[in-house]
Amino acid sequence: MTYSVRALKLALCGSLVAACSSSFALLYQGVEDPYWTLELDVLYVQRKGIDNVILVADSSQSGATLLNTTMVLNHFRWEPGVKGALTYTLSAERALECNFSWIHQWHSYIKVYGGGGGSTLSFPFSNSAYTTDYSAARSASATYTSRIWNGELNYWRYFTPAQVDYFSAAGVLGVRGMYIGEHFDLTFNTPPDASDYWTITRNRLCGIQAGGMLQCNPTSRWTWEITGKAGILANCAWGRYRLGDVNDAVVLRSWHGFDWKATYLLDGLFNLMYRFHTYASIHIGYQLIGFWGLALAPEQLSTGTMPTSGNQLNDRGNLYLHAAMLGFNFNF
C-alpha cells in the first residue's frame, strides 16, 4: 500500500511538471536561439496640437472671430496608416528592431460667409488698409493638409527574458527619423476677385532616443506591456509663404528659408498581446506621441504689414498624435 501511495504521488507530480512545461513551452520557444519576428499593424491616428491663430473676423458681429486655426484642426479625422517592424532576437538578453510607419494625410476644409451675405470678413492685419481682398471679403475658406512618416532602428537590452518571467523589463536605445510636411491655404473672396495667403512647411527630423519597457506575462498566452521613449532630434525645418492680392495678381510678400532647430519628443505605448500559436500572436495597442519644436504651416501666418513681416520661420509649434492599432506578430 505504501508503494502504491508513493507511486500515485510521483505520478501526480509528474503530471504537474508536464502540464507546467507544456503551458510555458510557448514562452521558451526560441528564447535561447536567434530568431526573427515580423510585426504588421493597421493604425488609426488622430492629430492634435496647434496655436490658436485668428484667421477670419466678421465686422458685422463687432469683429468676432469667425474662423481660427483650432477650428480648422478640429476637422481632422482619424486617418488610417500602416506599420511594419522586423526584430532580430540575438539571445534572451539582446534584440535589434527596425520599424517604419506611414499615415494617410490629414485634410481639412472650411468655408465661412459674411453676415447677411455682405462683404464683412477680414484677416486681422495690423493695418486694415494694407490689402484689398482681405479687408472686406464676402467669403473666406481655409484648407489644411498634414502628412507624417516615421522610421526607427532600436537596440533592446532585456534585464529578464521577454515573454518568459512573470515580469520582464528592458531598456532601449536607438535612432529615429521622421518627416512632417504641411500646407495651409487661406483664400478670401471679394467678387469677382479671390486672393490666397498660403504657407508650406517641412520638418526633416533625425536623432537619438532612449527609454524602457515593463512587461507582464500572467499566463503563457497573455502579455501586456508598457513602453516609454524620450528623444531629441535635429530638425532641418523649411518654410515658404506667399501673400497675393488684387485677384492674386499682386504679390505683397513672398519668402522661403530654412533653419536648424532641436525638436523633443515623448512616446508612450500600451500593448495587449494574445499568443494563439507558438509562432504567431495578435495584439491591440494605444500610442501617444508628443513633439515640441516644429514648424507648422498655419503658425507661419503673420499679421504684420512690413515688407519683412513673416520672414522668419516659426518653429516653436507642438504636435500630438493619438494612435489605436491592431496587429499580428510572426516568429520564424
Foldseek 3Di string as FASTA:
>chain_A
DVVVVVVVVVVVVVVVVVVVCVFQVLLPVCQAAKWKKKKKKKKWKAKDFDDWAQFKFFVVVVRDRPDTPRVQSVQWGGWMKMKIKMKINHHQFKIKMKMKMWTDKTKGKDKDFYVPQFQGMAGQAVDLVLADQHNRFGMKMKMKIKTKMKIKIKMKGKPGGPLRDQKTKIKMKIKMWMKMKMKMWMWTHHPPAIWIKIKIKMKTKIWMKIWMKMKGNPTSFKIKMKIKMKIKIKIWMKMWIWGAHDNRPRTQATEIDTDIDIKIKMKMKIKIWGDPDSFKIKIKMKMKMKMFFAQYTVVLDFSYSDRCTSRDTDRGTMMMMIMIMIMMMGMD
